[in-house]
Amino acid sequence: MVDWAEGDPLEVAPRLLGAVLTHGDVSVRLTEVEAYAGPADPGSHAYRGRTPRNAVMFGPPGRLYVYFVYGMHHCANLVTGPDGDPGAVLLRAGEVVGGIDRARSRRPGSSDRDLARGPARLCRALGIDLAANGVVPHLEPGERVVQISRGPRVGLRRAADLPWRFWATDDPTVSAYRPAAPRPAGR
């Protein structure tokens, strides 16, 4: 699996589509990802350098970089290589293909389509939290995605226009595109 993560995040990201990520007793086929290019990318957590929070992003590749956002959600990235170069691919959405009853118990009231539709929902369905930060995930090749779409990243204020989000075209588990809301003047 680590071989998949070696290289530039823009090359790794589309290769991850269709791969099956298993964490515990739940498996998700990845349908949407987003690339982050480290210090050259104002949208990346590594843009301003290494911190205790983002240290896993600096390698080695093939590990999960998990962070807590908005005081309530976990999101997971696959760290790309080479070691010391902090690239990552945000795991944005997927289809639950194993352990669906467990995923449903973690996301009660959600339709099967929405169980892992969005980065926080994906982590919740898989049971990924900060304890998985730095862990090498169980990731296997899945069915090859034939049609891949590409567009701007979701919810960023900086470098949002970069077409570094990749998704399986017309897949119903892909999250809805939402640009970042503008900040009120004076903030």
C-alpha atoms as a PDB file:
ATOM      1  CA  MET A   1       0.000   0.000   0.000  1.00  0.00           C
ATOM      2  CA  VAL A   2       2.783   2.477   0.754  1.00  0.00           C
ATOM      3  CA  ASP A   3       3.806   2.331  -2.932  1.00  0.00           C
ATOM      4  CA  TRP A   4       0.444   3.926  -3.767  1.00  0.00           C
ATOM      5  CA  ALA A   5       1.300   6.884  -1.583  1.00  0.00           C
ATOM      6  CA  GLU A   6       4.726   7.599  -3.002  1.00  0.00           C
ATOM      7  CA  GLY A   7       4.779  10.612  -5.258  1.00  0.00           C
ATOM      8  CA  ASP A   8       3.170  13.962  -5.803  1.00  0.00           C
ATOM      9  CA  PRO A   9      -0.310  14.282  -4.232  1.00  0.00           C
ATOM     10  CA  LEU A  10      -1.744  15.337  -7.611  1.00  0.00           C
ATOM     11  CA  GLU A  11      -0.623  11.994  -9.060  1.00  0.00           C
ATOM     12  CA  VAL A  12      -1.609   9.914  -6.045  1.00  0.00           C
ATOM     13  CA  ALA A  13      -5.111  11.402  -5.649  1.00  0.00           C
ATOM     14  CA  PRO A  14      -6.775  10.031  -8.807  1.00  0.00           C
ATOM     15  CA  ARG A  15      -5.074   6.638  -8.303  1.00  0.00           C
ATOM     16  CA  LEU A  16      -6.885   6.308  -4.976  1.00  0.00           C
ATOM     17  CA  LEU A  17     -10.339   6.460  -6.559  1.00  0.00           C
ATOM     18  CA  GLY A  18     -11.902   3.003  -6.433  1.00  0.00           C
ATOM     19  CA  ALA A  19      -9.479   1.771  -3.764  1.00  0.00           C
ATOM     20  CA  VAL A  20     -11.037   0.115  -0.726  1.00  0.00           C
ATOM     21  CA  LEU A  21     -10.081   1.484   2.688  1.00  0.00           C
ATOM     22  CA  THR A  22     -10.799  -0.779   5.657  1.00  0.00           C
ATOM     23  CA  HIS A  23     -10.650   0.399   9.257  1.00  0.00           C
ATOM     24  CA  GLY A  24     -11.764  -2.105  11.867  1.00  0.00           C
ATOM     25  CA  ASP A  25     -14.886  -3.842  10.594  1.00  0.00           C
ATOM     26  CA  VAL A  26     -15.968  -1.289   7.952  1.00  0.00           C
ATOM     27  CA  SER A  27     -14.736  -0.937   4.356  1.00  0.00           C
ATOM     28  CA  VAL A  28     -15.283   2.024   2.051  1.00  0.00           C
ATOM     29  CA  ARG A  29     -14.629   2.278  -1.695  1.00  0.00           C
ATOM     30  CA  LEU A  30     -13.161   5.753  -2.217  1.00  0.00           C
ATOM     31  CA  THR A  31     -15.145   7.931  -4.645  1.00  0.00           C
ATOM     32  CA  GLU A  32     -13.769  11.419  -3.920  1.00  0.00           C
ATOM     33  CA  VAL A  33     -10.382  12.776  -2.828  1.00  0.00           C
ATOM     34  CA  GLU A  34      -8.591  16.130  -2.689  1.00  0.00           C
ATOM     35  CA  ALA A  35      -4.854  16.842  -3.116  1.00  0.00           C
ATOM     36  CA  TYR A  36      -2.780  19.130  -0.872  1.00  0.00           C
ATOM     37  CA  ALA A  37       0.772  20.085  -1.889  1.00  0.00           C
ATOM     38  CA  GLY A  38       2.390  21.053   1.423  1.00  0.00           C
ATOM     39  CA  PRO A  39       4.442  24.253   1.729  1.00  0.00           C
ATOM     40  CA  ALA A  40       3.640  25.362  -1.838  1.00  0.00           C
ATOM     41  CA  ASP A  41      -0.123  25.161  -1.185  1.00  0.00           C
ATOM     42  CA  PRO A  42      -1.876  27.859   0.914  1.00  0.00           C
ATOM     43  CA  GLY A  43      -4.763  25.399   1.453  1.00  0.00           C
ATOM     44  CA  SER A  44      -2.510  22.807   3.099  1.00  0.00           C
ATOM     45  CA  HIS A  45      -2.035  22.352   6.839  1.00  0.00           C
ATOM     46  CA  ALA A  46       1.711  22.218   6.093  1.00  0.00           C
ATOM     47  CA  TYR A  47       1.785  25.620   4.362  1.00  0.00           C
ATOM     48  CA  ARG A  48       3.321  27.383   7.362  1.00  0.00           C
ATOM     49  CA  GLY A  49       5.666  24.562   8.310  1.00  0.00           C
ATOM     50  CA  ARG A  50       5.786  21.645  10.698  1.00  0.00           C
ATOM     51  CA  THR A  51       3.742  21.730  13.911  1.00  0.00           C
ATOM     52  CA  PRO A  52       2.802  19.050  16.444  1.00  0.00           C
ATOM     53  CA  ARG A  53      -0.634  18.825  14.763  1.00  0.00           C
ATOM     54  CA  ASN A  54       0.628  18.277  11.202  1.00  0.00           C
ATOM     55  CA  ALA A  55       3.905  16.395  11.901  1.00  0.00           C
ATOM     56  CA  VAL A  56       2.576  13.155  10.363  1.00  0.00           C
ATOM     57  CA  MET A  57       2.233  14.976   7.009  1.00  0.00           C
ATOM     58  CA  PHE A  58       6.021  15.211   6.794  1.00  0.00           C
ATOM     59  CA  GLY A  59       6.319  11.472   6.274  1.00  0.00           C
ATOM     60  CA  PRO A  60       6.982   8.772   5.771  1.00  0.00           C
ATOM     61  CA  PRO A  61       4.291   8.296   3.103  1.00  0.00           C
ATOM     62  CA  GLY A  62       1.423   5.844   3.389  1.00  0.00           C
ATOM     63  CA  ARG A  63       0.200   6.900   6.828  1.00  0.00           C
ATOM     64  CA  LEU A  64      -3.027   8.574   7.860  1.00  0.00           C
ATOM     65  CA  TYR A  65      -2.926  12.218   8.913  1.00  0.00           C
ATOM     66  CA  VAL A  66      -6.062  12.621  11.038  1.00  0.00           C
ATOM     67  CA  TYR A  67      -7.152  15.954  12.463  1.00  0.00           C
ATOM     68  CA  PHE A  68     -10.078  17.329  14.444  1.00  0.00           C
ATOM     69  CA  VAL A  69     -11.986  20.223  12.878  1.00  0.00           C
ATOM     70  CA  TYR A  70     -14.734  22.604  14.045  1.00  0.00           C
ATOM     71  CA  GLY A  71     -14.531  21.052  17.510  1.00  0.00           C
ATOM     72  CA  MET A  72     -16.602  18.065  16.403  1.00  0.00           C
ATOM     73  CA  HIS A  73     -15.377  16.223  13.289  1.00  0.00           C
ATOM     74  CA  HIS A  74     -12.403  14.085  12.297  1.00  0.00           C
ATOM     75  CA  CYS A  75     -10.962  14.144   8.779  1.00  0.00           C
ATOM     76  CA  ALA A  76      -8.322  11.814   7.335  1.00  0.00           C
ATOM     77  CA  ASN A  77      -5.638  12.278   4.696  1.00  0.00           C
ATOM     78  CA  LEU A  78      -3.261   9.777   3.162  1.00  0.00           C
ATOM     79  CA  VAL A  79       0.273  11.168   3.449  1.00  0.00           C
ATOM     80  CA  THR A  80       2.145  11.101   0.144  1.00  0.00           C
ATOM     81  CA  GLY A  81       5.896  10.986  -0.389  1.00  0.00           C
ATOM     82  CA  PRO A  82       8.766  11.378  -0.461  1.00  0.00           C
ATOM     83  CA  ASP A  83       9.616  11.407   3.232  1.00  0.00           C
ATOM     84  CA  GLY A  84      10.065  14.969   4.478  1.00  0.00           C
ATOM     85  CA  ASP A  85       7.883  16.505   1.745  1.00  0.00           C
ATOM     86  CA  PRO A  86       4.476  17.116   3.378  1.00  0.00           C
ATOM     87  CA  GLY A  87       1.955  16.243   0.683  1.00  0.00           C
ATOM     88  CA  ALA A  88      -1.364  14.589   1.447  1.00  0.00           C
ATOM     89  CA  VAL A  89      -4.653  13.499  -0.093  1.00  0.00           C
ATOM     90  CA  LEU A  90      -7.855  14.195   1.828  1.00  0.00           C
ATOM     91  CA  LEU A  91     -10.203  11.211   1.761  1.00  0.00           C
ATOM     92  CA  ARG A  92     -13.441  13.065   0.971  1.00  0.00           C
ATOM     93  CA  ALA A  93     -16.119  10.434   0.277  1.00  0.00           C
ATOM     94  CA  GLY A  94     -16.876   6.823  -0.465  1.00  0.00           C
ATOM     95  CA  GLU A  95     -19.356   3.996  -0.644  1.00  0.00           C
ATOM     96  CA  VAL A  96     -19.580   1.579   2.280  1.00  0.00           C
ATOM     97  CA  VAL A  97     -18.891  -1.861   0.789  1.00  0.00           C
ATOM     98  CA  GLY A  98     -18.299  -3.880   3.966  1.00  0.00           C
ATOM     99  CA  GLY A  99     -19.604  -3.674   7.513  1.00  0.00           C
ATOM    100  CA  ILE A 100     -22.635  -1.644   6.507  1.00  0.00           C
ATOM    101  CA  ASP A 101     -24.559  -2.455   9.702  1.00  0.00           C
ATOM    102  CA  ARG A 102     -21.673  -1.118  11.806  1.00  0.00           C
ATOM    103  CA  ALA A 103     -21.441   2.015   9.629  1.00  0.00           C
ATOM    104  CA  ARG A 104     -25.210   2.537   9.990  1.00  0.00           C
ATOM    105  CA  SER A 105     -24.885   2.262  13.777  1.00  0.00           C
ATOM    106  CA  ARG A 106     -22.265   5.027  13.725  1.00  0.00           C
ATOM    107  CA  ARG A 107     -24.406   7.236  11.450  1.00  0.00           C
ATOM    108  CA  PRO A 108     -28.015   6.567  12.509  1.00  0.00           C
ATOM    109  CA  GLY A 109     -30.686   8.072  10.284  1.00  0.00           C
ATOM    110  CA  SER A 110     -28.383   8.373   7.268  1.00  0.00           C
ATOM    111  CA  SER A 111     -29.240   6.804   3.941  1.00  0.00           C
ATOM    112  CA  ASP A 112     -26.742   4.224   2.712  1.00  0.00           C
ATOM    113  CA  ARG A 113     -25.664   6.745   0.035  1.00  0.00           C
ATOM    114  CA  ASP A 114     -24.833   9.316   2.722  1.00  0.00           C
ATOM    115  CA  LEU A 115     -23.006   7.057   5.203  1.00  0.00           C
ATOM    116  CA  ALA A 116     -19.538   8.158   4.001  1.00  0.00           C
ATOM    117  CA  ARG A 117     -20.484  11.123   1.781  1.00  0.00           C
ATOM    118  CA  GLY A 118     -18.102  13.826   2.974  1.00  0.00           C
ATOM    119  CA  PRO A 119     -14.790  13.677   4.873  1.00  0.00           C
ATOM    120  CA  ALA A 120     -16.248  13.805   8.403  1.00  0.00           C
ATOM    121  CA  ARG A 121     -18.973  11.286   7.568  1.00  0.00           C
ATOM    122  CA  LEU A 122     -16.380   8.972   6.006  1.00  0.00           C
ATOM    123  CA  CYS A 123     -14.335   9.042   9.215  1.00  0.00           C
ATOM    124  CA  ARG A 124     -17.413   8.518  11.382  1.00  0.00           C
ATOM    125  CA  ALA A 125     -18.606   5.555   9.285  1.00  0.00           C
ATOM    126  CA  LEU A 126     -15.132   3.970   9.462  1.00  0.00           C
ATOM    127  CA  GLY A 127     -14.632   4.782  13.149  1.00  0.00           C
ATOM    128  CA  ILE A 128     -11.519   6.877  12.401  1.00  0.00           C
ATOM    129  CA  ASP A 129     -10.509   9.342  15.099  1.00  0.00           C
ATOM    130  CA  LEU A 130      -7.254  10.851  16.388  1.00  0.00           C
ATOM    131  CA  ALA A 131      -6.087   7.404  17.556  1.00  0.00           C
ATOM    132  CA  ALA A 132      -5.571   6.566  13.845  1.00  0.00           C
ATOM    133  CA  ASN A 133      -3.205   9.509  13.285  1.00  0.00           C
ATOM    134  CA  GLY A 134       0.073   8.083  11.930  1.00  0.00           C
ATOM    135  CA  VAL A 135      -1.352   4.596  11.326  1.00  0.00           C
ATOM    136  CA  VAL A 136      -0.711   2.791   8.034  1.00  0.00           C
ATOM    137  CA  PRO A 137      -4.256   2.089   6.785  1.00  0.00           C
ATOM    138  CA  HIS A 138      -5.465  -1.113   5.161  1.00  0.00           C
ATOM    139  CA  LEU A 139      -5.958   0.023   1.561  1.00  0.00           C
ATOM    140  CA  GLU A 140      -6.459  -2.330  -1.377  1.00  0.00           C
ATOM    141  CA  PRO A 141      -6.956  -1.721  -5.073  1.00  0.00           C
ATOM    142  CA  GLY A 142     -10.583  -1.824  -6.038  1.00  0.00           C
ATOM    143  CA  GLU A 143     -12.431  -1.679  -9.286  1.00  0.00           C
ATOM    144  CA  ARG A 144     -10.754   0.859 -11.575  1.00  0.00           C
ATOM    145  CA  VAL A 145     -12.682   4.124 -11.918  1.00  0.00           C
ATOM    146  CA  VAL A 146     -13.091   4.752 -15.640  1.00  0.00           C
ATOM    147  CA  GLN A 147     -14.463   8.294 -15.612  1.00  0.00           C
ATOM    148  CA  ILE A 148     -12.768  10.753 -13.277  1.00  0.00           C
ATOM    149  CA  SER A 149     -13.899  14.346 -12.887  1.00  0.00           C
ATOM    150  CA  ARG A 150     -11.738  17.148 -11.563  1.00  0.00           C
ATOM    151  CA  GLY A 151     -12.588  20.510 -10.045  1.00  0.00           C
ATOM    152  CA  PRO A 152     -11.960  23.029  -7.272  1.00  0.00           C
ATOM    153  CA  ARG A 153     -11.456  21.947  -3.683  1.00  0.00           C
ATOM    154  CA  VAL A 154     -14.309  22.279  -1.212  1.00  0.00           C
ATOM    155  CA  GLY A 155     -14.671  24.844   1.557  1.00  0.00           C
ATOM    156  CA  LEU A 156     -11.258  26.522   1.297  1.00  0.00           C
ATOM    157  CA  ARG A 157     -10.691  30.251   1.506  1.00  0.00           C
ATOM    158  CA  ARG A 158      -7.127  30.088   0.106  1.00  0.00           C
ATOM    159  CA  ALA A 159      -6.201  28.360  -3.162  1.00  0.00           C
ATOM    160  CA  ALA A 160      -9.798  27.165  -3.503  1.00  0.00           C
ATOM    161  CA  ASP A 161      -9.748  27.621  -7.270  1.00  0.00           C
ATOM    162  CA  LEU A 162      -7.108  24.938  -7.826  1.00  0.00           C
ATOM    163  CA  PRO A 163      -8.696  21.923  -9.592  1.00  0.00           C
ATOM    164  CA  TRP A 164      -7.239  19.439  -7.126  1.00  0.00           C
ATOM    165  CA  ARG A 165     -10.434  17.600  -6.150  1.00  0.00           C
ATOM    166  CA  PHE A 166     -10.985  14.316  -8.013  1.00  0.00           C
ATOM    167  CA  TRP A 167     -14.123  12.186  -8.006  1.00  0.00           C
ATOM    168  CA  ALA A 168     -15.762   9.238  -9.719  1.00  0.00           C
ATOM    169  CA  THR A 169     -18.004  10.919 -12.297  1.00  0.00           C
ATOM    170  CA  ASP A 170     -21.744  10.605 -11.539  1.00  0.00           C
ATOM    171  CA  ASP A 171     -21.171   8.490  -8.417  1.00  0.00           C
ATOM    172  CA  PRO A 172     -24.023   9.213  -5.958  1.00  0.00           C
ATOM    173  CA  THR A 173     -21.727   9.009  -2.914  1.00  0.00           C
ATOM    174  CA  VAL A 174     -19.621  12.019  -3.986  1.00  0.00           C
ATOM    175  CA  SER A 175     -20.198  15.001  -1.704  1.00  0.00           C
ATOM    176  CA  ALA A 176     -21.879  18.175  -2.916  1.00  0.00           C
ATOM    177  CA  TYR A 177     -19.543  20.974  -3.975  1.00  0.00           C
ATOM    178  CA  ARG A 178     -19.694  23.965  -1.649  1.00  0.00           C
ATOM    179  CA  PRO A 179     -17.299  26.892  -1.951  1.00  0.00           C
ATOM    180  CA  ALA A 180     -16.119  28.497   1.286  1.00  0.00           C
ATOM    181  CA  ALA A 181     -18.423  31.143   2.683  1.00  0.00           C
ATOM    182  CA  PRO A 182     -16.876  34.595   2.537  1.00  0.00           C
ATOM    183  CA  ARG A 183     -15.753  36.012   5.853  1.00  0.00           C
ATOM    184  CA  PRO A 184     -17.480  39.151   7.095  1.00  0.00           C
ATOM    185  CA  ALA A 185     -15.494  42.375   6.623  1.00  0.00           C
ATOM    186  CA  GLY A 186     -13.050  43.138   9.415  1.00  0.00           C
ATOM    187  CA  ARG A 187     -12.129  39.541  10.234  1.00  0.00           C
END
